[in-house]
Amino acid sequence: MFSYITFPGGRSKALTLSYDDGRSQDRRLVEILNKFGIRGTFHLNSGWMDPELVRMREEAARLYEGHEIATHSLTHPTLTGLSDTAVVTQILEDRKNLEKLTGQIVRGHSYPNGAYNERVKQILKNLGIAYARVVSPTGDFELPQDFLEWHPTCHHGDPNLMKLARTFAEFNKPQYLKLFYVWGHSYEFDRDSNWNVIEEFCEYMGGREDIWYATNLEIVDYMNAVRGLIYSADGTTVYNPNALDVWIRKLSDTSPELGEAVRVPGGATICLA
């Protein structure tokens, strides 16, 4: 017996968004996301946030509730041009500040100016960063091979945004996991006078039972957990050594049809036969 990995609830599609810098326009953006049940990640420069947000620290903690806060470095330098010590300072100080601000453990990152290399990736990994987003888009819905070099599907300003949304929403092959990842800066909506773009997108994509709405870190943690499942040689028994519940979909070795989705609780061993 064989099985496919799935997202929570047996879903095969996931949607996540991320926005950089921490500007006052995040308020309006969070309202839109919350209205349509969409979740995402906000990458903040704690030394370069909108002064209004810094002054209202309690509001900042409440503002991003239900979403993830992640690092974007302390002051937004291009990390590839810094010494190892400076990179460590930029990431660790940002983490410390954001963790004090929110009470969350911060484990995500997006590269300032989209700049990264293998040296910077290794430093981030050593500092406990679980993933880092870059800016160059893929235009597709594939999961990343390397979460420290996580390419989004597109920027919200992509003229094909709604075309991609329709393709994603209509995709119906549960044997494939698909991820739609949109990124940007909330201040761009004011600059470009196009708040209607994100409102239309969220209204269209929200409220769908076949899509998992997740933060960046939730996706990383889930995929690490589901990839850590341990199967018996004949595939009939599976052990989940992680604390996180995961889902798989049974596949018969005598039929091409997909079977039911099965939850594998954290720490549990279950029989699939």
Protein backbone atom coordinates (compact mmCIF):
# COMPACT_ATOMS: atom_id res chain seq x y z
CA MET A 1 0.00 0.00 0.00
CA PHE A 2 1.17 3.50 -0.84
CA SER A 3 0.09 7.00 0.16
CA TYR A 4 0.41 10.60 -0.95
CA ILE A 5 1.32 13.39 1.44
CA THR A 6 -1.31 16.12 1.66
CA PHE A 7 -1.85 19.42 3.38
CA PRO A 8 -4.02 19.51 6.55
CA GLY A 9 -7.48 18.05 6.13
CA GLY A 10 -6.39 16.13 3.06
CA ARG A 11 -6.17 19.30 0.96
CA SER A 12 -3.79 19.44 -1.96
CA LYS A 13 -3.61 23.24 -2.36
CA ALA A 14 -2.25 25.97 -0.09
CA LEU A 15 -2.18 29.76 -0.29
CA THR A 16 0.17 32.11 1.54
CA LEU A 17 1.14 35.77 1.22
CA SER A 18 4.03 37.79 2.58
CA TYR A 19 4.67 41.52 2.87
CA ASP A 20 7.87 43.33 3.73
CA ASP A 21 9.12 46.32 5.74
CA GLY A 22 6.35 46.95 8.33
CA ARG A 23 4.54 50.08 7.17
CA SER A 24 1.32 51.69 8.40
CA GLN A 25 -0.48 50.41 5.28
CA ASP A 26 -0.24 46.96 6.86
CA ARG A 27 -3.31 47.93 8.89
CA ARG A 28 -5.54 48.08 5.84
CA LEU A 29 -3.96 45.02 4.29
CA VAL A 30 -4.49 42.91 7.42
CA GLU A 31 -8.15 43.98 7.49
CA ILE A 32 -8.58 42.72 3.93
CA LEU A 33 -6.82 39.42 4.63
CA ASN A 34 -8.87 38.84 7.78
CA LYS A 35 -12.12 39.67 5.99
CA PHE A 36 -11.60 36.83 3.51
CA GLY A 37 -9.87 34.35 5.84
CA ILE A 38 -6.48 34.59 4.17
CA ARG A 39 -3.31 34.38 6.21
CA GLY A 40 0.22 35.45 5.64
CA THR A 41 3.56 36.60 6.94
CA PHE A 42 4.86 40.10 7.60
CA HIS A 43 8.63 40.53 7.37
CA LEU A 44 9.63 43.50 9.52
CA ASN A 45 12.74 45.63 9.96
CA SER A 46 12.53 46.38 13.67
CA GLY A 47 15.07 49.19 13.32
CA TRP A 48 13.33 50.68 10.29
CA MET A 49 9.61 50.10 10.86
CA ASP A 50 7.05 52.82 10.28
CA PRO A 51 7.56 55.16 13.29
CA GLU A 52 3.84 55.14 13.98
CA LEU A 53 3.87 51.35 14.43
CA VAL A 54 6.94 51.50 16.66
CA ARG A 55 5.29 54.05 18.95
CA MET A 56 2.20 51.88 19.26
CA ARG A 57 3.92 48.64 20.18
CA GLU A 58 0.82 47.10 21.68
CA GLU A 59 -1.11 47.80 18.51
CA ALA A 60 1.59 46.14 16.44
CA ALA A 61 1.27 42.94 18.48
CA ARG A 62 -2.51 42.97 18.01
CA LEU A 63 -2.34 44.06 14.39
CA TYR A 64 -0.59 40.91 13.17
CA GLU A 65 -2.52 38.50 15.38
CA GLY A 66 -3.39 35.36 13.41
CA HIS A 67 -0.54 36.00 11.00
CA GLU A 68 3.21 35.44 11.24
CA ILE A 69 5.90 38.00 11.96
CA ALA A 70 9.35 37.31 10.52
CA THR A 71 12.68 39.06 10.11
CA HIS A 72 13.70 41.28 7.23
CA SER A 73 16.96 42.35 8.95
CA LEU A 74 17.35 45.16 11.47
CA THR A 75 17.88 48.07 9.07
CA HIS A 76 17.42 46.60 5.56
CA PRO A 77 21.01 46.41 4.25
CA THR A 78 22.03 44.16 1.37
CA LEU A 79 23.28 41.17 3.37
CA THR A 80 25.64 39.82 0.70
CA GLY A 81 27.81 42.92 1.08
CA LEU A 82 28.23 42.58 4.84
CA SER A 83 30.72 40.67 6.96
CA ASP A 84 29.60 37.52 8.73
CA THR A 85 29.49 39.40 12.02
CA ALA A 86 27.32 42.15 10.55
CA VAL A 87 24.89 39.62 9.04
CA VAL A 88 24.60 37.90 12.43
CA THR A 89 23.90 41.25 14.10
CA GLN A 90 21.27 42.23 11.54
CA ILE A 91 19.35 38.98 11.92
CA LEU A 92 19.74 38.31 15.64
CA GLU A 93 18.90 41.86 16.74
CA ASP A 94 15.86 41.88 14.47
CA ARG A 95 14.75 38.54 15.91
CA LYS A 96 15.19 39.74 19.49
CA ASN A 97 13.27 42.95 18.89
CA LEU A 98 10.40 41.26 17.07
CA GLU A 99 10.12 38.53 19.69
CA LYS A 100 9.87 41.16 22.43
CA LEU A 101 7.31 43.04 20.38
CA THR A 102 5.02 40.09 19.72
CA GLY A 103 5.79 37.32 22.18
CA GLN A 104 6.25 34.95 19.22
CA ILE A 105 9.35 32.92 18.41
CA VAL A 106 10.55 34.38 15.11
CA ARG A 107 12.01 31.84 12.66
CA GLY A 108 11.35 33.25 9.18
CA HIS A 109 13.08 35.78 6.94
CA SER A 110 12.93 37.58 3.63
CA TYR A 111 16.13 38.87 2.06
CA PRO A 112 16.44 42.69 1.95
CA ASN A 113 16.67 43.79 -1.68
CA GLY A 114 16.31 40.12 -2.61
CA ALA A 115 20.06 39.58 -2.18
CA TYR A 116 21.42 36.27 -0.92
CA ASN A 117 24.17 33.74 -1.51
CA GLU A 118 25.26 30.43 -0.01
CA ARG A 119 27.25 32.15 2.74
CA VAL A 120 24.25 34.18 3.89
CA LYS A 121 21.97 31.15 3.68
CA GLN A 122 24.29 29.16 5.93
CA ILE A 123 24.47 31.98 8.49
CA LEU A 124 20.69 32.20 8.61
CA LYS A 125 20.42 28.46 9.10
CA ASN A 126 22.92 28.60 11.97
CA LEU A 127 20.85 31.38 13.57
CA GLY A 128 17.71 29.26 13.67
CA ILE A 129 16.01 30.71 10.59
CA ALA A 130 13.80 28.02 9.03
CA TYR A 131 13.15 29.68 5.68
CA ALA A 132 13.95 32.80 3.68
CA ARG A 133 12.00 34.26 0.79
CA VAL A 134 13.60 35.74 -2.30
CA VAL A 135 11.90 38.09 -4.80
CA SER A 136 12.30 36.48 -8.22
CA PRO A 137 9.01 34.74 -9.08
CA THR A 138 8.45 31.29 -10.52
CA GLY A 139 5.05 31.88 -12.09
CA ASP A 140 4.04 28.38 -10.95
CA PHE A 141 2.69 26.60 -7.89
CA GLU A 142 5.51 24.22 -7.03
CA LEU A 143 6.85 23.77 -3.52
CA PRO A 144 10.45 24.97 -3.06
CA GLN A 145 13.32 22.52 -3.05
CA ASP A 146 15.19 24.75 -0.61
CA PHE A 147 13.18 26.77 1.92
CA LEU A 148 16.17 29.09 2.45
CA GLU A 149 15.78 30.07 -1.21
CA TRP A 150 12.00 30.28 -1.39
CA HIS A 151 10.76 31.81 -4.62
CA PRO A 152 7.20 33.18 -4.64
CA THR A 153 4.70 32.51 -7.38
CA CYS A 154 4.38 36.21 -8.18
CA HIS A 155 4.24 39.77 -6.89
CA HIS A 156 0.76 41.18 -6.33
CA GLY A 157 1.46 43.64 -9.14
CA ASP A 158 1.88 40.86 -11.70
CA PRO A 159 -0.57 41.55 -14.55
CA ASN A 160 -1.33 37.81 -14.63
CA LEU A 161 -2.31 37.67 -10.94
CA MET A 162 -5.98 36.88 -11.50
CA LYS A 163 -5.20 34.52 -14.37
CA LEU A 164 -2.90 32.60 -12.01
CA ALA A 165 -5.62 32.71 -9.34
CA ARG A 166 -8.19 31.16 -11.67
CA THR A 167 -5.73 28.47 -12.80
CA PHE A 168 -4.95 27.63 -9.20
CA ALA A 169 -8.57 27.59 -8.07
CA GLU A 170 -9.61 25.32 -10.95
CA PHE A 171 -6.73 22.87 -10.52
CA ASN A 172 -8.15 19.55 -9.36
CA LYS A 173 -5.51 16.83 -9.25
CA PRO A 174 -5.13 15.90 -5.58
CA GLN A 175 -2.11 13.69 -6.22
CA TYR A 176 -0.09 16.92 -6.69
CA LEU A 177 0.59 19.42 -3.91
CA LYS A 178 0.32 23.00 -5.16
CA LEU A 179 1.26 26.23 -3.40
CA PHE A 180 0.28 29.76 -4.47
CA TYR A 181 2.60 32.37 -2.92
CA VAL A 182 2.07 36.14 -3.43
CA TRP A 183 4.39 38.81 -2.06
CA GLY A 184 4.78 42.57 -2.03
CA HIS A 185 4.89 45.74 0.09
CA SER A 186 1.68 47.17 1.51
CA TYR A 187 2.78 50.76 0.79
CA GLU A 188 2.75 49.89 -2.93
CA PHE A 189 -1.06 49.86 -2.87
CA ASP A 190 -1.08 53.54 -1.84
CA ARG A 191 1.73 54.40 -4.22
CA ASP A 192 0.02 52.72 -7.18
CA SER A 193 -3.56 53.52 -6.12
CA ASN A 194 -4.56 49.87 -6.62
CA TRP A 195 -5.97 48.49 -3.38
CA ASN A 196 -8.66 46.97 -5.60
CA VAL A 197 -6.06 44.45 -6.84
CA ILE A 198 -5.57 42.76 -3.48
CA GLU A 199 -9.25 43.10 -2.57
CA GLU A 200 -10.33 41.38 -5.77
CA PHE A 201 -7.71 38.67 -5.34
CA CYS A 202 -8.61 37.92 -1.72
CA GLU A 203 -12.34 37.94 -2.42
CA TYR A 204 -11.85 35.45 -5.25
CA MET A 205 -9.42 33.18 -3.40
CA GLY A 206 -10.96 33.28 0.08
CA GLY A 207 -13.47 30.86 1.58
CA ARG A 208 -12.54 27.79 -0.46
CA GLU A 209 -12.72 24.47 1.36
CA ASP A 210 -10.06 22.86 -0.83
CA ILE A 211 -7.37 25.45 0.01
CA TRP A 212 -5.26 25.57 3.16
CA TYR A 213 -4.71 29.22 4.19
CA ALA A 214 -1.40 29.31 6.03
CA THR A 215 1.52 31.45 7.08
CA ASN A 216 4.96 30.87 5.59
CA LEU A 217 6.25 29.16 8.72
CA GLU A 218 3.22 26.89 9.05
CA ILE A 219 3.92 25.55 5.58
CA VAL A 220 7.59 24.96 6.36
CA ASP A 221 6.90 23.21 9.66
CA TYR A 222 4.16 21.08 8.14
CA MET A 223 6.23 19.96 5.17
CA ASN A 224 9.17 19.09 7.42
CA ALA A 225 6.83 17.03 9.60
CA VAL A 226 5.10 15.18 6.78
CA ARG A 227 8.42 14.41 5.11
CA GLY A 228 9.59 12.97 8.42
CA LEU A 229 6.95 10.23 8.51
CA ILE A 230 8.37 6.72 8.89
CA TYR A 231 6.69 3.88 6.97
CA SER A 232 6.88 0.12 7.36
CA ALA A 233 8.44 -1.77 4.46
CA ASP A 234 5.05 -2.79 3.05
CA GLY A 235 3.58 0.70 3.47
CA THR A 236 0.72 -0.44 5.70
CA THR A 237 1.96 1.20 8.91
CA VAL A 238 3.13 4.76 9.43
CA TYR A 239 4.75 6.40 12.44
CA ASN A 240 4.74 10.15 13.02
CA PRO A 241 7.74 11.04 15.24
CA ASN A 242 6.82 14.74 15.21
CA ALA A 243 4.59 16.71 17.58
CA LEU A 244 2.57 18.09 14.65
CA ASP A 245 -0.42 16.20 13.24
CA VAL A 246 -0.08 15.49 9.52
CA TRP A 247 -2.34 14.12 6.80
CA ILE A 248 -1.82 11.56 4.04
CA ARG A 249 -4.09 10.12 1.39
CA LYS A 250 -4.15 6.35 0.91
CA LEU A 251 -3.43 4.94 -2.53
CA SER A 252 -4.26 1.34 -3.32
CA ASP A 253 -1.61 -0.73 -5.08
CA THR A 254 -4.36 -2.35 -7.16
CA SER A 255 -6.30 0.77 -8.24
CA PRO A 256 -5.39 4.21 -9.62
CA GLU A 257 -8.13 5.83 -7.55
CA LEU A 258 -7.16 7.90 -4.52
CA GLY A 259 -8.46 6.74 -1.16
CA GLU A 260 -9.52 8.62 1.91
CA ALA A 261 -7.44 11.24 3.68
CA VAL A 262 -6.05 10.04 6.99
CA ARG A 263 -4.80 12.11 9.92
CA VAL A 264 -1.61 10.84 11.54
CA PRO A 265 -1.45 12.42 15.01
CA GLY A 266 1.85 13.57 16.39
CA GLY A 267 3.68 10.72 18.10
CA ALA A 268 1.24 8.11 16.83
CA THR A 269 1.59 4.92 14.82
CA ILE A 270 -1.38 3.96 12.65
CA CYS A 271 -2.27 1.11 10.34
CA LEU A 272 -3.36 2.08 6.83
CA ALA A 273 -4.50 -1.37 5.70
